[in-house]
Amino acid sequence: MKKLPIILIIATSSIMHACIKDKEEPRFTDFVAVVKDDSFAQMLFDDIQSESDVQHATSQTEALEKSMMEDSATVTIDAGENGFADSTWTITIDFGDGIVGRYGWERKGKVIIDVQGFYKQEGATRVMTFDNYYVNDNKVEGTHTVTNIGFDSTEMAYVFDVAIENGVITKTDGKTITWNSNRQRKWTAGYDTPLTITDDEYNITGESHGTNSEGKAFVKTITSPLHIYLNCEYVQDGEVDITIEESKTALLNFGYSEGASSCDEYAKLTYAGKDFTFKMR
């Protein structure tokens, strides 16, 4: 058997070591890219969930109320032959060829919401799917399921389990984000004004996973609840562990603030003992 020259062995070993090291040690920029894509996907799904909250809450009594987010969106209710007696119905929100609404976002296409049970009823569910639905020309796909767990009297909050399955965001540049999520959403403020969503606040726990627009697999685990204000498009508080390609983990802190803005777009990433501050999408 021929022996490899020692130089070749060393070179091959060095290359293998470099590859392993690269896999084990993602760059700061890799984490930032994952954070931005994950937050972007969460924002888009949270946005339509907030709209579906309003439509679910009002559909039993105000079946043809127009969208609270965009006055021109067409909202239709199909309660079947027995009306609402069966406690199941379908809500369709049609944004047509494009309507500019909250945050200055343009939404177009349809969101279909299959509802079972009344909004604040424990055990009620709604399943959202999308028909050529776009936000600022980013296409949103997947199945979004919300289940009412009930009212937590100790925290004075309505509790919902939220699952995203087969979520896909196709960005304007053609790149895709795949996104799956299992979270618990506590509605801590604004539930006594169901027709006004801008005063709503939520605490979010749970995890998400998928691949970002650069093809890197990630897992995000919330270690301190995320605090969401519906009058702001950015997460305002909370901490998250992020792991890329089953490698090392970085800590994301949404509570970082720069300036005195009441809707702060900054977050801080800590990795390998170093901090990096950046603007969210």
Protein backbone atom coordinates (compact mmCIF):
# COMPACT_ATOMS: atom_id res chain seq x y z
CA MET A 1 0.00 0.00 0.00
CA LYS A 2 1.32 3.41 -0.97
CA LYS A 3 1.79 5.93 1.79
CA LEU A 4 0.62 9.53 1.40
CA PRO A 5 3.33 12.17 1.67
CA ILE A 6 3.35 13.73 5.12
CA ILE A 7 2.76 17.21 3.62
CA LEU A 8 -0.44 16.00 1.92
CA ILE A 9 -1.65 14.40 5.17
CA ILE A 10 -1.08 17.63 7.07
CA ALA A 11 -2.76 19.70 4.36
CA THR A 12 -5.79 17.37 4.25
CA SER A 13 -6.03 17.39 8.04
CA SER A 14 -5.88 21.19 8.08
CA ILE A 15 -8.64 21.48 5.50
CA MET A 16 -10.88 19.07 7.45
CA HIS A 17 -10.20 20.95 10.68
CA ALA A 18 -11.00 24.27 8.99
CA CYS A 19 -14.31 22.90 7.67
CA ILE A 20 -15.29 21.58 11.10
CA LYS A 21 -14.30 24.85 12.71
CA ASP A 22 -16.35 26.86 10.19
CA LYS A 23 -19.38 24.67 10.90
CA GLU A 24 -18.96 24.91 14.66
CA GLU A 25 -18.35 28.63 14.73
CA PRO A 26 -20.87 30.67 12.72
CA ARG A 27 -20.01 34.28 12.08
CA PHE A 28 -21.75 37.20 13.74
CA THR A 29 -23.26 38.09 10.38
CA ASP A 30 -24.81 34.61 10.13
CA PHE A 31 -26.66 35.16 13.39
CA VAL A 32 -27.78 38.64 12.38
CA ALA A 33 -29.14 37.29 9.08
CA VAL A 34 -31.05 34.55 10.93
CA VAL A 35 -32.41 37.02 13.48
CA LYS A 36 -33.68 39.39 10.81
CA ASP A 37 -35.32 36.66 8.72
CA ASP A 38 -36.89 34.97 11.75
CA SER A 39 -38.21 38.27 13.09
CA PHE A 40 -39.49 39.17 9.64
CA ALA A 41 -41.45 35.90 9.37
CA GLN A 42 -42.84 36.30 12.88
CA MET A 43 -43.95 39.87 12.13
CA LEU A 44 -45.87 38.84 9.02
CA PHE A 45 -47.70 35.99 10.73
CA ASP A 46 -48.37 38.04 13.89
CA ASP A 47 -49.77 40.84 11.76
CA ILE A 48 -52.45 38.73 10.13
CA GLN A 49 -53.17 36.97 13.43
CA SER A 50 -54.04 40.34 14.95
CA GLU A 51 -56.40 41.04 12.08
CA SER A 52 -57.99 37.60 12.43
CA ASP A 53 -58.49 38.30 16.16
CA VAL A 54 -60.73 41.23 15.25
CA GLN A 55 -62.65 39.34 12.58
CA HIS A 56 -63.20 36.31 14.81
CA ALA A 57 -64.37 38.45 17.72
CA THR A 58 -66.86 40.47 15.66
CA SER A 59 -68.03 37.92 13.10
CA GLN A 60 -70.77 36.34 15.26
CA THR A 61 -72.62 39.61 15.80
CA GLU A 62 -71.29 41.93 13.09
CA ALA A 63 -70.93 39.40 10.30
CA LEU A 64 -70.05 41.89 7.60
CA GLU A 65 -67.98 44.39 9.57
CA LYS A 66 -65.20 45.78 7.41
CA SER A 67 -61.61 45.14 8.28
CA MET A 68 -60.31 47.17 11.22
CA MET A 69 -56.91 47.29 9.57
CA GLU A 70 -57.84 48.52 6.12
CA ASP A 71 -61.25 50.08 5.52
CA SER A 72 -61.29 48.93 1.91
CA ALA A 73 -60.60 45.23 2.48
CA THR A 74 -63.57 43.00 1.68
CA VAL A 75 -64.55 40.71 4.55
CA THR A 76 -67.08 37.94 3.91
CA ILE A 77 -68.55 35.37 6.30
CA ASP A 78 -69.83 31.92 5.36
CA ALA A 79 -71.62 30.38 8.34
CA GLY A 80 -73.17 27.52 6.37
CA GLU A 81 -76.80 26.44 6.26
CA ASN A 82 -77.28 26.58 10.03
CA GLY A 83 -75.79 30.01 10.51
CA PHE A 84 -73.70 30.29 13.68
CA ALA A 85 -75.68 27.55 15.44
CA ASP A 86 -72.97 25.01 14.57
CA SER A 87 -70.25 27.31 15.94
CA THR A 88 -68.24 26.84 12.75
CA TRP A 89 -67.80 29.38 9.96
CA THR A 90 -65.32 30.69 7.43
CA ILE A 91 -64.06 34.27 7.21
CA THR A 92 -62.36 35.52 4.04
CA ILE A 93 -60.38 38.76 4.08
CA ASP A 94 -59.76 39.94 0.52
CA PHE A 95 -57.16 42.67 0.04
CA GLY A 96 -57.63 42.61 -3.71
CA ASP A 97 -54.76 43.91 -5.81
CA GLY A 98 -53.26 45.85 -2.92
CA ILE A 99 -54.30 47.97 0.07
CA VAL A 100 -51.94 50.08 2.16
CA GLY A 101 -52.74 49.92 5.87
CA ARG A 102 -51.06 49.69 9.28
CA TYR A 103 -47.31 50.42 9.32
CA GLY A 104 -47.66 51.62 5.73
CA TRP A 105 -47.57 48.00 4.54
CA GLU A 106 -49.29 47.00 1.32
CA ARG A 107 -51.24 43.74 1.59
CA LYS A 108 -52.85 41.91 -1.31
CA GLY A 109 -54.50 38.57 -1.94
CA LYS A 110 -56.72 36.62 0.45
CA VAL A 111 -56.55 35.20 3.95
CA ILE A 112 -59.02 32.39 4.68
CA ILE A 113 -59.90 31.76 8.32
CA ASP A 114 -61.75 28.57 9.33
CA VAL A 115 -63.28 29.15 12.76
CA GLN A 116 -64.66 26.74 15.34
CA GLY A 117 -66.08 28.21 18.55
CA PHE A 118 -66.56 31.76 19.73
CA TYR A 119 -63.54 33.98 20.17
CA LYS A 120 -63.16 34.06 23.98
CA GLN A 121 -64.46 30.52 24.43
CA GLU A 122 -61.95 28.04 25.83
CA GLY A 123 -61.10 25.46 23.17
CA ALA A 124 -62.05 27.71 20.23
CA THR A 125 -59.77 27.37 17.22
CA ARG A 126 -59.12 29.15 13.98
CA VAL A 127 -57.00 27.95 11.09
CA MET A 128 -55.61 30.52 8.66
CA THR A 129 -54.45 29.71 5.14
CA PHE A 130 -53.40 32.04 2.32
CA ASP A 131 -54.44 32.54 -1.29
CA ASN A 132 -51.78 34.53 -3.19
CA TYR A 133 -51.28 36.66 -0.07
CA TYR A 134 -48.45 39.23 -0.19
CA VAL A 135 -47.13 41.87 2.18
CA ASN A 136 -45.00 44.49 0.44
CA ASP A 137 -44.58 41.95 -2.40
CA ASN A 138 -43.28 39.26 -0.01
CA LYS A 139 -45.41 36.14 -0.50
CA VAL A 140 -46.72 34.42 2.65
CA GLU A 141 -47.68 30.72 2.72
CA GLY A 142 -48.38 28.10 5.36
CA THR A 143 -50.98 26.99 7.90
CA HIS A 144 -51.48 29.17 10.96
CA THR A 145 -53.51 27.62 13.82
CA VAL A 146 -54.63 29.44 16.97
CA THR A 147 -56.23 27.61 19.93
CA ASN A 148 -57.81 29.39 22.90
CA ILE A 149 -56.46 27.75 26.07
CA GLY A 150 -58.61 29.91 28.35
CA PHE A 151 -58.30 32.86 30.72
CA ASP A 152 -55.45 32.83 33.23
CA SER A 153 -56.86 34.63 36.28
CA THR A 154 -53.47 34.76 38.02
CA GLU A 155 -51.93 36.78 35.19
CA MET A 156 -55.21 38.33 33.98
CA ALA A 157 -54.53 37.24 30.42
CA TYR A 158 -56.16 35.19 27.69
CA VAL A 159 -53.82 32.37 26.66
CA PHE A 160 -53.54 31.03 23.09
CA ASP A 161 -51.42 28.28 21.60
CA VAL A 162 -50.13 29.35 18.17
CA ALA A 163 -48.64 26.97 15.61
CA ILE A 164 -47.19 27.75 12.18
CA GLU A 165 -46.71 24.75 9.90
CA ASN A 166 -44.95 24.78 6.53
CA GLY A 167 -44.52 28.54 6.68
CA VAL A 168 -42.75 29.99 3.66
CA ILE A 169 -41.88 33.62 2.98
CA THR A 170 -40.77 34.26 -0.61
CA LYS A 171 -38.94 37.57 -0.54
CA THR A 172 -38.91 40.16 -3.27
CA ASP A 173 -35.44 38.99 -4.37
CA GLY A 174 -36.75 35.44 -4.88
CA LYS A 175 -35.02 33.98 -1.82
CA THR A 176 -37.16 32.02 0.65
CA ILE A 177 -37.45 31.71 4.42
CA THR A 178 -38.95 28.45 5.72
CA TRP A 179 -40.50 28.83 9.13
CA ASN A 180 -42.24 26.59 11.65
CA SER A 181 -43.21 27.76 15.10
CA ASN A 182 -44.89 26.61 18.30
CA ARG A 183 -45.60 29.42 20.73
CA GLN A 184 -47.86 30.40 23.57
CA ARG A 185 -49.31 33.89 23.32
CA LYS A 186 -50.67 35.63 26.44
CA TRP A 187 -52.98 38.54 25.70
CA THR A 188 -52.18 40.81 28.63
CA ALA A 189 -53.78 44.13 27.64
CA GLY A 190 -56.41 45.44 25.25
CA TYR A 191 -58.75 42.44 25.42
CA ASP A 192 -61.53 44.60 26.84
CA THR A 193 -61.52 46.67 23.60
CA PRO A 194 -61.81 43.95 20.92
CA LEU A 195 -62.48 46.41 18.09
CA THR A 196 -59.24 48.31 18.74
CA ILE A 197 -56.10 46.28 18.15
CA THR A 198 -53.52 49.04 18.56
CA ASP A 199 -53.82 48.94 22.37
CA ASP A 200 -53.18 45.18 22.51
CA GLU A 201 -50.13 43.74 24.26
CA TYR A 202 -48.85 40.17 24.31
CA ASN A 203 -46.19 38.08 26.00
CA ILE A 204 -44.82 35.30 23.80
CA THR A 205 -42.99 32.09 24.78
CA GLY A 206 -41.98 29.02 22.77
CA GLU A 207 -39.74 28.24 19.81
CA SER A 208 -39.35 28.53 16.05
CA HIS A 209 -37.14 26.77 13.54
CA GLY A 210 -36.47 26.66 9.83
CA THR A 211 -33.98 27.94 7.27
CA ASN A 212 -33.15 31.56 6.59
CA SER A 213 -32.89 33.19 3.16
CA GLU A 214 -29.21 32.14 2.94
CA GLY A 215 -30.10 28.47 3.47
CA LYS A 216 -28.84 28.17 7.04
CA ALA A 217 -30.88 25.98 9.41
CA PHE A 218 -31.68 27.55 12.77
CA VAL A 219 -33.56 26.99 16.03
CA LYS A 220 -34.80 29.92 18.11
CA THR A 221 -35.87 29.34 21.73
CA ILE A 222 -37.44 32.13 23.78
CA THR A 223 -35.77 32.19 27.21
CA SER A 224 -37.45 35.37 28.49
CA PRO A 225 -40.95 36.22 27.17
CA LEU A 226 -41.10 38.53 24.16
CA HIS A 227 -43.24 41.60 24.75
CA ILE A 228 -45.29 42.78 21.79
CA TYR A 229 -47.17 46.07 21.45
CA LEU A 230 -49.53 46.07 18.48
CA ASN A 231 -48.93 49.79 17.88
CA CYS A 232 -45.26 48.99 17.14
CA GLU A 233 -43.93 46.66 14.45
CA TYR A 234 -40.87 45.64 16.50
CA VAL A 235 -40.53 43.29 19.48
CA GLN A 236 -39.80 45.53 22.46
CA ASP A 237 -38.52 43.18 25.16
CA GLY A 238 -37.43 39.60 25.81
CA GLU A 239 -34.48 37.28 25.19
CA VAL A 240 -33.91 34.44 22.74
CA ASP A 241 -31.29 31.73 22.27
CA ILE A 242 -30.41 31.12 18.61
CA THR A 243 -28.53 28.09 17.31
CA ILE A 244 -27.33 27.81 13.71
CA GLU A 245 -26.62 24.49 11.97
CA GLU A 246 -26.73 22.64 15.34
CA SER A 247 -23.65 24.59 16.34
CA LYS A 248 -22.95 27.25 18.93
CA THR A 249 -25.65 29.49 20.39
CA ALA A 250 -25.99 33.26 20.51
CA LEU A 251 -28.19 35.35 22.83
CA LEU A 252 -30.54 37.93 21.34
CA ASN A 253 -31.79 40.72 23.60
CA PHE A 254 -34.78 42.68 22.32
CA GLY A 255 -34.76 44.90 25.41
CA TYR A 256 -31.81 46.91 24.16
CA SER A 257 -32.81 50.52 23.55
CA GLU A 258 -31.05 53.33 21.74
CA GLY A 259 -32.54 56.74 22.35
CA ALA A 260 -35.93 57.39 23.90
CA SER A 261 -38.14 56.01 21.15
CA SER A 262 -41.35 54.34 22.37
CA CYS A 263 -41.09 51.98 19.37
CA ASP A 264 -37.44 50.99 19.34
CA GLU A 265 -36.03 49.09 16.35
CA TYR A 266 -32.72 48.08 17.97
CA ALA A 267 -31.69 44.69 19.35
CA LYS A 268 -28.42 43.33 20.77
CA LEU A 269 -26.77 40.04 19.86
CA THR A 270 -24.19 38.45 22.15
CA TYR A 271 -21.94 35.73 20.75
CA ALA A 272 -18.54 34.42 21.84
CA GLY A 273 -18.32 37.13 24.50
CA LYS A 274 -18.91 39.98 22.07
CA ASP A 275 -21.93 42.27 21.60
CA PHE A 276 -23.37 43.49 18.33
CA THR A 277 -26.17 46.06 18.12
CA PHE A 278 -28.28 46.26 14.97
CA LYS A 279 -31.56 47.58 13.58
CA MET A 280 -34.35 45.07 13.08
CA ARG A 281 -36.07 44.74 9.76
